[in-house]
N, C-alpha and C. Protein backbone atom coordinates (compact mmCIF):
# COMPACT_ATOMS: atom_id res chain seq x y z
N MET A 1 0.84 -1.19 0.06
CA MET A 1 -0.06 -0.01 0.00
C MET A 1 0.94 1.32 -0.12
N ALA A 2 1.95 1.19 0.74
CA ALA A 2 2.95 2.35 0.67
C ALA A 2 3.52 2.64 -0.67
N ASP A 3 3.75 1.43 -1.36
CA ASP A 3 4.29 1.62 -2.69
C ASP A 3 3.34 2.28 -3.64
N ARG A 4 1.99 1.92 -3.45
CA ARG A 4 0.99 2.52 -4.41
C ARG A 4 0.90 4.09 -4.09
N SER A 5 0.99 4.56 -3.05
CA SER A 5 0.76 6.04 -2.74
C SER A 5 1.94 6.80 -3.11
N LEU A 6 3.05 6.20 -3.25
CA LEU A 6 4.40 6.96 -3.74
C LEU A 6 4.16 7.58 -4.99
N PRO A 7 3.89 6.64 -6.06
CA PRO A 7 3.65 7.33 -7.41
C PRO A 7 2.61 8.33 -7.43
N ASN A 8 1.55 8.21 -6.61
CA ASN A 8 0.50 9.29 -6.60
C ASN A 8 1.07 10.52 -5.95
N LYS A 9 1.81 10.36 -4.96
CA LYS A 9 2.56 11.64 -4.29
C LYS A 9 3.41 12.28 -5.27
N LEU A 10 4.15 11.42 -6.13
CA LEU A 10 5.04 11.92 -7.11
C LEU A 10 4.38 12.67 -8.19
N LYS A 11 3.38 12.05 -8.61
CA LYS A 11 2.42 12.75 -9.67
C LYS A 11 1.91 14.08 -9.18
N LYS A 12 1.41 14.16 -7.80
CA LYS A 12 1.02 15.27 -7.31
C LYS A 12 2.12 16.45 -7.23
N LEU A 13 3.27 15.99 -6.73
CA LEU A 13 4.33 16.87 -6.68
C LEU A 13 4.76 17.54 -7.94
N THR A 14 4.81 16.54 -8.90
CA THR A 14 5.14 16.93 -10.33
C THR A 14 4.12 17.91 -10.87
N SER A 15 2.98 17.67 -10.59
CA SER A 15 1.81 18.68 -11.27
C SER A 15 1.95 19.88 -10.51
N GLU A 16 2.20 20.03 -9.14
CA GLU A 16 2.43 21.22 -8.45
C GLU A 16 3.45 21.97 -9.02
N ARG A 17 4.61 21.37 -9.24
CA ARG A 17 5.72 22.01 -9.73
C ARG A 17 5.59 22.62 -11.03
N ARG A 18 4.93 21.87 -11.93
CA ARG A 18 4.56 22.38 -13.31
C ARG A 18 3.67 23.71 -13.17
N GLU A 19 2.67 23.59 -12.41
CA GLU A 19 1.81 24.63 -12.05
C GLU A 19 2.63 25.80 -11.62
N LYS A 20 3.51 25.64 -10.64
CA LYS A 20 4.24 26.95 -10.08
C LYS A 20 5.19 27.31 -11.13
N SER A 21 5.72 26.47 -11.96
CA SER A 21 6.63 26.88 -12.97
C SER A 21 5.98 27.66 -13.96
N ARG A 22 4.67 27.22 -14.38
CA ARG A 22 3.82 27.90 -15.27
C ARG A 22 3.54 29.32 -14.75
N LYS A 23 3.07 29.34 -13.54
CA LYS A 23 2.66 30.63 -12.99
C LYS A 23 3.96 31.68 -12.87
N PHE A 24 5.06 30.99 -12.47
CA PHE A 24 6.22 31.79 -12.52
C PHE A 24 6.68 32.43 -13.81
N GLY A 25 6.45 31.65 -14.84
CA GLY A 25 6.63 32.02 -16.25
C GLY A 25 5.70 33.18 -16.55
N GLN A 26 4.56 33.04 -16.26
CA GLN A 26 3.49 34.15 -16.61
C GLN A 26 3.89 35.43 -15.82
N ASN A 27 4.19 35.18 -14.61
CA ASN A 27 4.53 36.46 -13.75
C ASN A 27 5.83 37.16 -14.18
N TRP A 28 6.65 36.38 -14.65
CA TRP A 28 8.11 36.89 -15.09
C TRP A 28 7.75 37.61 -16.42
N GLN A 29 7.00 37.07 -17.36
CA GLN A 29 6.58 37.69 -18.50
C GLN A 29 5.86 38.97 -18.27
N LYS A 30 4.96 38.99 -17.38
CA LYS A 30 4.31 40.31 -17.11
C LYS A 30 5.25 41.37 -16.55
N ARG A 31 6.16 40.91 -15.55
CA ARG A 31 7.21 41.82 -15.14
C ARG A 31 8.04 42.40 -16.14
N ARG A 32 8.41 41.52 -17.01
CA ARG A 32 9.30 41.96 -18.03
C ARG A 32 8.68 42.84 -19.09
N ASN A 33 7.41 42.67 -19.41
CA ASN A 33 6.76 43.64 -20.20
C ASN A 33 6.39 44.77 -19.60
N GLU A 34 6.09 44.90 -18.24
CA GLU A 34 5.99 46.19 -17.59
C GLU A 34 7.23 46.95 -17.58
N LEU A 35 8.38 46.31 -17.34
CA LEU A 35 9.78 46.88 -17.32
C LEU A 35 10.15 47.50 -18.74
N LEU A 36 9.72 46.82 -19.65
CA LEU A 36 9.95 47.17 -21.02
C LEU A 36 9.10 48.40 -21.33
N LYS A 37 7.95 48.42 -20.89
CA LYS A 37 7.04 49.62 -21.21
C LYS A 37 7.62 50.82 -20.33
N ARG A 38 7.96 50.69 -19.22
CA ARG A 38 8.66 51.80 -18.40
C ARG A 38 9.82 52.36 -19.08
N GLN A 39 10.71 51.32 -19.50
CA GLN A 39 11.89 51.81 -20.21
C GLN A 39 11.52 52.57 -21.43
N ARG A 40 10.67 52.08 -22.19
CA ARG A 40 10.32 52.83 -23.43
C ARG A 40 9.71 54.22 -23.17
N TYR A 41 8.79 54.31 -22.07
CA TYR A 41 8.21 55.48 -21.68
C TYR A 41 9.33 56.63 -21.26
N ARG A 42 10.35 56.07 -20.50
CA ARG A 42 11.35 56.88 -20.10
C ARG A 42 12.22 57.47 -21.24
N GLN A 43 12.42 56.57 -22.19
CA GLN A 43 13.23 56.98 -23.41
C GLN A 43 12.39 57.98 -24.18
N LEU A 44 11.08 57.76 -24.26
CA LEU A 44 10.25 58.81 -25.07
C LEU A 44 10.21 59.98 -24.38
N LYS A 45 10.07 60.05 -23.02
CA LYS A 45 10.03 61.15 -22.17
C LYS A 45 11.26 61.92 -22.27
N ALA A 46 12.59 61.31 -22.21
CA ALA A 46 13.73 61.93 -22.30
C ALA A 46 13.86 62.53 -23.69
N LYS A 47 13.44 61.95 -24.64
CA LYS A 47 13.49 62.44 -26.15
C LYS A 47 12.62 63.64 -26.21
N THR A 48 11.30 63.61 -25.53
CA THR A 48 10.49 64.73 -25.69
C THR A 48 11.10 65.86 -24.98
N GLN A 49 11.69 65.71 -23.71
CA GLN A 49 12.32 66.80 -23.00
C GLN A 49 13.44 67.39 -23.68
N ALA A 50 14.17 66.54 -24.33
CA ALA A 50 15.33 66.98 -25.17
C ALA A 50 14.91 67.85 -26.43
N PHE A 51 13.70 67.38 -26.98
CA PHE A 51 13.21 68.17 -28.20
C PHE A 51 12.75 69.58 -27.70
N ILE A 52 12.02 69.52 -26.52
CA ILE A 52 11.49 70.80 -25.97
C ILE A 52 12.58 71.79 -25.76
N GLN A 53 13.69 71.24 -25.08
CA GLN A 53 14.71 72.07 -24.66
C GLN A 53 15.38 72.73 -25.98
N LEU A 54 15.66 71.80 -26.84
CA LEU A 54 16.26 72.14 -28.19
C LEU A 54 15.41 73.22 -28.90
N ASN A 55 14.11 73.04 -28.92
CA ASN A 55 13.16 73.97 -29.54
C ASN A 55 13.30 75.30 -28.88
N LYS A 56 13.26 75.18 -27.56
CA LYS A 56 13.48 76.67 -26.76
C LYS A 56 14.74 77.35 -27.23
N LEU A 57 15.80 76.55 -27.24
CA LEU A 57 17.05 77.13 -27.67
C LEU A 57 17.05 77.74 -29.02
N TYR A 58 16.45 76.94 -30.01
CA TYR A 58 16.26 77.44 -31.44
C TYR A 58 15.59 78.78 -31.50
N GLN A 59 14.49 78.81 -30.66
CA GLN A 59 13.59 79.98 -30.71
C GLN A 59 14.39 81.17 -30.19
N GLN A 60 15.16 80.98 -29.03
CA GLN A 60 15.96 82.01 -28.54
C GLN A 60 17.01 82.47 -29.53
N LYS A 61 17.74 81.50 -30.19
CA LYS A 61 18.67 81.89 -31.03
C LYS A 61 18.06 82.68 -32.31
N ALA A 62 16.96 82.14 -32.73
CA ALA A 62 16.11 82.77 -33.95
C ALA A 62 15.81 84.20 -33.53
N ASP A 63 15.32 84.48 -32.27
CA ASP A 63 15.09 85.87 -31.98
C ASP A 63 16.26 86.66 -31.97
N ILE A 64 17.27 86.14 -31.56
CA ILE A 64 18.60 86.88 -31.43
C ILE A 64 18.88 87.26 -32.88
N LEU A 65 18.92 86.22 -33.67
CA LEU A 65 19.47 86.48 -35.13
C LEU A 65 18.42 87.35 -36.02
N MET A 66 17.17 87.03 -35.64
CA MET A 66 16.04 87.82 -36.52
C MET A 66 15.86 89.27 -36.17
N PHE A 67 16.12 89.57 -34.93
CA PHE A 67 15.81 91.01 -34.39
C PHE A 67 16.94 91.71 -34.09
N THR A 68 16.92 93.13 -34.37
CA THR A 68 17.92 93.89 -33.70
C THR A 68 17.57 94.27 -32.36
N PRO A 69 18.50 94.77 -31.52
CA PRO A 69 18.04 95.16 -30.16
C PRO A 69 16.81 95.92 -30.06
N GLU A 70 16.67 96.99 -30.86
CA GLU A 70 15.49 97.77 -30.85
C GLU A 70 14.32 97.09 -31.37
N GLN A 71 14.36 96.18 -32.24
CA GLN A 71 13.26 95.27 -32.51
C GLN A 71 12.86 94.38 -31.44
N ARG A 72 13.80 93.90 -30.87
CA ARG A 72 13.49 92.93 -29.65
C ARG A 72 12.70 93.59 -28.52
N LYS A 73 13.19 94.91 -28.26
CA LYS A 73 12.44 95.62 -27.18
C LYS A 73 11.10 95.98 -27.72
N LYS A 74 10.91 96.32 -28.92
CA LYS A 74 9.59 96.49 -29.50
C LYS A 74 8.66 95.35 -29.38
N LYS A 75 9.32 94.16 -29.79
CA LYS A 75 8.56 92.87 -29.76
C LYS A 75 8.21 92.63 -28.29
N GLU A 76 9.08 92.77 -27.30
CA GLU A 76 8.86 92.44 -25.84
C GLU A 76 7.68 93.39 -25.28
N PHE A 77 7.76 94.64 -25.76
CA PHE A 77 6.79 95.66 -25.45
C PHE A 77 5.35 95.33 -25.88
N SER A 78 5.47 94.90 -27.11
CA SER A 78 4.21 94.66 -27.78
C SER A 78 3.40 93.27 -27.49
N GLN A 79 4.11 92.42 -26.75
CA GLN A 79 3.69 91.12 -26.42
C GLN A 79 2.24 91.30 -25.71
N GLY A 80 1.25 90.47 -26.12
CA GLY A 80 -0.12 90.53 -25.53
C GLY A 80 -0.94 91.66 -26.27
N LYS A 81 -0.34 92.38 -27.19
CA LYS A 81 -1.19 93.53 -27.79
C LYS A 81 -1.49 92.96 -29.13
N ARG A 82 -2.30 93.76 -29.86
CA ARG A 82 -2.61 93.35 -31.30
C ARG A 82 -1.43 93.43 -32.05
N ARG A 83 -1.40 92.67 -33.11
CA ARG A 83 -0.19 92.58 -33.90
C ARG A 83 -0.16 93.80 -34.83
N SER A 84 0.97 94.17 -35.29
CA SER A 84 1.01 95.25 -36.35
C SER A 84 0.58 94.78 -37.69
N LYS A 85 -0.18 95.63 -38.45
CA LYS A 85 -0.64 95.16 -39.61
C LYS A 85 0.46 95.17 -40.62
N ARG A 86 0.44 94.32 -41.48
CA ARG A 86 1.34 94.06 -42.48
C ARG A 86 0.83 93.17 -43.59
N ALA A 87 1.61 93.32 -44.70
CA ALA A 87 1.20 92.36 -45.87
C ALA A 87 1.58 90.95 -45.75
N ALA A 88 0.73 90.09 -46.03
CA ALA A 88 1.01 88.62 -45.92
C ALA A 88 1.54 88.18 -47.28
N THR A 89 1.35 88.84 -48.34
CA THR A 89 1.87 88.50 -49.62
C THR A 89 2.27 89.79 -50.39
N ALA A 90 3.30 89.63 -51.26
CA ALA A 90 3.80 90.78 -52.05
C ALA A 90 3.00 90.90 -53.30
N TYR A 91 2.18 89.95 -53.70
CA TYR A 91 1.27 90.02 -54.92
C TYR A 91 0.09 90.59 -54.76
N VAL A 92 -0.20 91.81 -55.18
CA VAL A 92 -1.53 92.57 -54.96
C VAL A 92 -2.65 91.72 -55.65
N SER A 93 -2.30 91.18 -56.85
CA SER A 93 -3.37 90.30 -57.47
C SER A 93 -3.84 89.09 -56.65
N ARG A 94 -3.16 88.69 -55.55
CA ARG A 94 -3.60 87.53 -54.80
C ARG A 94 -4.30 88.13 -53.45
N THR A 95 -4.61 89.40 -53.36
CA THR A 95 -5.21 90.00 -52.01
C THR A 95 -6.68 90.08 -52.41
N TRP A 96 -7.51 90.16 -51.36
CA TRP A 96 -8.93 90.44 -51.53
C TRP A 96 -8.99 92.04 -51.68
N THR A 97 -9.95 92.35 -52.52
CA THR A 97 -10.00 93.78 -52.75
C THR A 97 -10.57 94.43 -51.63
N ASN A 98 -9.86 95.49 -51.20
CA ASN A 98 -10.05 96.34 -50.07
C ASN A 98 -10.19 95.45 -48.66
N GLY A 99 -9.59 94.33 -48.82
CA GLY A 99 -9.72 93.36 -47.48
C GLY A 99 -11.14 92.78 -47.42
N VAL A 100 -11.96 92.89 -48.40
CA VAL A 100 -13.31 92.39 -48.24
C VAL A 100 -13.33 90.83 -48.73
N ILE A 101 -13.74 90.05 -47.92
CA ILE A 101 -13.77 88.62 -48.32
C ILE A 101 -15.22 88.12 -48.39
N PRO A 102 -15.80 87.97 -49.59
CA PRO A 102 -17.13 87.38 -49.65
C PRO A 102 -17.08 85.87 -49.37
N TYR A 103 -18.15 85.34 -48.80
CA TYR A 103 -18.24 83.93 -48.36
C TYR A 103 -19.59 83.40 -48.61
N ILE A 104 -19.61 82.07 -48.62
CA ILE A 104 -20.93 81.23 -48.58
C ILE A 104 -20.62 80.17 -47.42
N ILE A 105 -21.68 79.97 -46.69
CA ILE A 105 -21.73 78.98 -45.67
C ILE A 105 -22.73 77.97 -46.13
N GLN A 106 -22.32 76.77 -46.50
CA GLN A 106 -23.26 75.90 -47.00
C GLN A 106 -24.32 75.52 -45.93
N ALA A 107 -25.53 75.13 -46.38
CA ALA A 107 -26.74 74.94 -45.61
C ALA A 107 -26.74 73.77 -44.70
N ASN A 108 -25.92 72.68 -45.05
CA ASN A 108 -25.72 71.42 -44.29
C ASN A 108 -25.02 71.65 -42.92
N PHE A 109 -24.58 72.79 -42.57
CA PHE A 109 -23.96 72.89 -41.24
C PHE A 109 -25.11 73.13 -40.21
N SER A 110 -24.85 72.60 -39.01
CA SER A 110 -25.79 72.92 -37.90
C SER A 110 -25.67 74.44 -37.62
N SER A 111 -26.75 74.94 -36.94
CA SER A 111 -26.60 76.34 -36.46
C SER A 111 -25.61 76.61 -35.41
N GLU A 112 -25.07 75.59 -34.69
CA GLU A 112 -24.10 75.80 -33.74
C GLU A 112 -22.68 75.98 -34.57
N THR A 113 -22.57 75.10 -35.59
CA THR A 113 -21.42 75.15 -36.38
C THR A 113 -21.31 76.50 -37.07
N LYS A 114 -22.45 77.02 -37.66
CA LYS A 114 -22.54 78.31 -38.43
C LYS A 114 -22.08 79.39 -37.45
N ALA A 115 -22.58 79.32 -36.12
CA ALA A 115 -22.38 80.26 -35.21
C ALA A 115 -20.88 80.34 -34.93
N THR A 116 -20.30 79.20 -34.80
CA THR A 116 -18.75 79.06 -34.64
C THR A 116 -17.89 79.75 -35.79
N ILE A 117 -18.42 79.44 -36.94
CA ILE A 117 -17.71 79.99 -38.16
C ILE A 117 -17.77 81.61 -38.11
N MET A 118 -19.04 82.04 -37.88
CA MET A 118 -19.29 83.47 -37.70
C MET A 118 -18.33 84.11 -36.63
N LYS A 119 -18.36 83.46 -35.53
CA LYS A 119 -17.54 83.95 -34.39
C LYS A 119 -16.04 84.06 -34.88
N ALA A 120 -15.59 83.01 -35.54
CA ALA A 120 -14.21 83.04 -36.12
C ALA A 120 -13.88 84.26 -37.11
N MET A 121 -14.93 84.41 -37.90
CA MET A 121 -14.85 85.51 -38.80
C MET A 121 -14.73 86.92 -38.16
N ARG A 122 -15.62 87.05 -37.08
CA ARG A 122 -15.61 88.32 -36.36
C ARG A 122 -14.16 88.46 -35.69
N HIS A 123 -13.71 87.42 -35.16
CA HIS A 123 -12.36 87.40 -34.49
C HIS A 123 -11.34 87.81 -35.61
N TRP A 124 -11.25 87.40 -36.76
CA TRP A 124 -10.31 87.91 -37.88
C TRP A 124 -10.53 89.20 -38.05
N GLU A 125 -11.90 89.82 -38.11
CA GLU A 125 -12.15 91.10 -38.47
C GLU A 125 -11.62 92.02 -37.30
N ASN A 126 -11.65 91.70 -36.08
CA ASN A 126 -11.11 92.41 -34.95
C ASN A 126 -9.60 92.47 -34.86
N TYR A 127 -8.98 91.49 -35.41
CA TYR A 127 -7.51 91.44 -35.20
C TYR A 127 -6.80 91.63 -36.55
N THR A 128 -7.53 91.91 -37.69
CA THR A 128 -6.72 92.08 -38.94
C THR A 128 -7.56 93.17 -39.57
N CYS A 129 -7.12 93.50 -40.93
CA CYS A 129 -7.84 94.50 -41.71
C CYS A 129 -8.80 93.82 -42.59
N LEU A 130 -9.12 92.53 -42.39
CA LEU A 130 -10.00 91.81 -43.30
C LEU A 130 -11.53 92.09 -42.85
N SER A 131 -12.49 91.95 -43.67
CA SER A 131 -13.81 91.87 -43.32
C SER A 131 -14.60 90.87 -44.21
N PHE A 132 -15.46 90.22 -43.56
CA PHE A 132 -16.27 89.18 -44.25
C PHE A 132 -17.54 89.63 -44.59
N VAL A 133 -18.13 89.38 -45.86
CA VAL A 133 -19.36 89.69 -46.25
C VAL A 133 -20.00 88.44 -47.00
N GLU A 134 -21.38 88.42 -46.90
CA GLU A 134 -21.86 87.40 -47.76
C GLU A 134 -21.93 87.56 -49.16
N ARG A 135 -21.67 86.51 -49.95
CA ARG A 135 -21.45 86.60 -51.15
C ARG A 135 -22.63 87.16 -52.08
N GLN A 136 -22.34 88.12 -52.96
CA GLN A 136 -23.44 88.52 -53.84
C GLN A 136 -22.98 88.21 -55.32
N PRO A 137 -24.03 88.18 -56.28
CA PRO A 137 -23.67 87.68 -57.59
C PRO A 137 -22.58 88.52 -58.20
N HIS A 138 -22.22 89.74 -57.90
CA HIS A 138 -21.15 90.45 -58.55
C HIS A 138 -19.82 89.99 -58.06
N HIS A 139 -19.76 89.27 -56.88
CA HIS A 139 -18.45 88.73 -56.52
C HIS A 139 -17.98 87.59 -57.29
N ARG A 140 -16.76 87.88 -57.98
CA ARG A 140 -16.25 86.65 -58.76
C ARG A 140 -15.35 85.75 -57.88
N SER A 141 -14.67 86.21 -56.82
CA SER A 141 -13.91 85.41 -56.07
C SER A 141 -14.61 85.44 -54.64
N TYR A 142 -14.69 84.12 -54.15
CA TYR A 142 -15.25 84.04 -52.76
C TYR A 142 -14.84 82.75 -52.17
N ILE A 143 -15.03 82.57 -50.87
CA ILE A 143 -14.76 81.32 -50.25
C ILE A 143 -15.99 80.66 -49.87
N ILE A 144 -15.88 79.29 -49.82
CA ILE A 144 -17.11 78.49 -49.50
C ILE A 144 -16.68 77.59 -48.29
N PHE A 145 -17.58 77.70 -47.14
CA PHE A 145 -17.35 76.82 -46.04
C PHE A 145 -18.23 75.62 -46.32
N THR A 146 -17.60 74.44 -46.34
CA THR A 146 -18.10 73.26 -46.71
C THR A 146 -17.70 72.19 -45.70
N GLU A 147 -18.51 71.03 -45.53
CA GLU A 147 -18.16 70.10 -44.68
C GLU A 147 -17.20 69.12 -45.23
N LYS A 148 -17.09 69.19 -46.44
CA LYS A 148 -16.11 68.21 -47.13
C LYS A 148 -14.76 68.60 -46.77
N ALA A 149 -13.91 67.62 -46.52
CA ALA A 149 -12.44 67.95 -46.12
C ALA A 149 -11.70 68.63 -47.09
N CYS A 150 -11.81 68.16 -48.42
CA CYS A 150 -11.04 68.64 -49.50
C CYS A 150 -12.05 69.24 -50.50
N GLY A 151 -12.72 70.23 -50.09
CA GLY A 151 -13.83 70.90 -50.81
C GLY A 151 -13.58 71.42 -52.05
């Protein structure tokens, strides 16, 4: 009888060891994956921080190179104020006549979206020399607000 119970005990021990080994393997794999994720996160974070610092440095150097000391003072003084009006293009043929931009807002927009577009146009009017008017038949050039991405 003692001889018969020995193989059963061995089978049970073997089964328990296999189960422990399997669980250990799963736990080890989980820990390894977590460590790899943390390592990747740290690397990306370090690269991002380096990029941000480099970008700040380039901006500072660009300011130094682009502006004379007088211009820099003027720029610092005017921070937070309206920008000075200037030409965005040298080609007069590519500008809107008298800064007036005729527009059409397609009917398929919700009233909320139309209100947002109108608010954006008022913002441009307040901060630039442009003004928006609804398109009339005599306007040859105009813009269309459409829901299609590549309208």
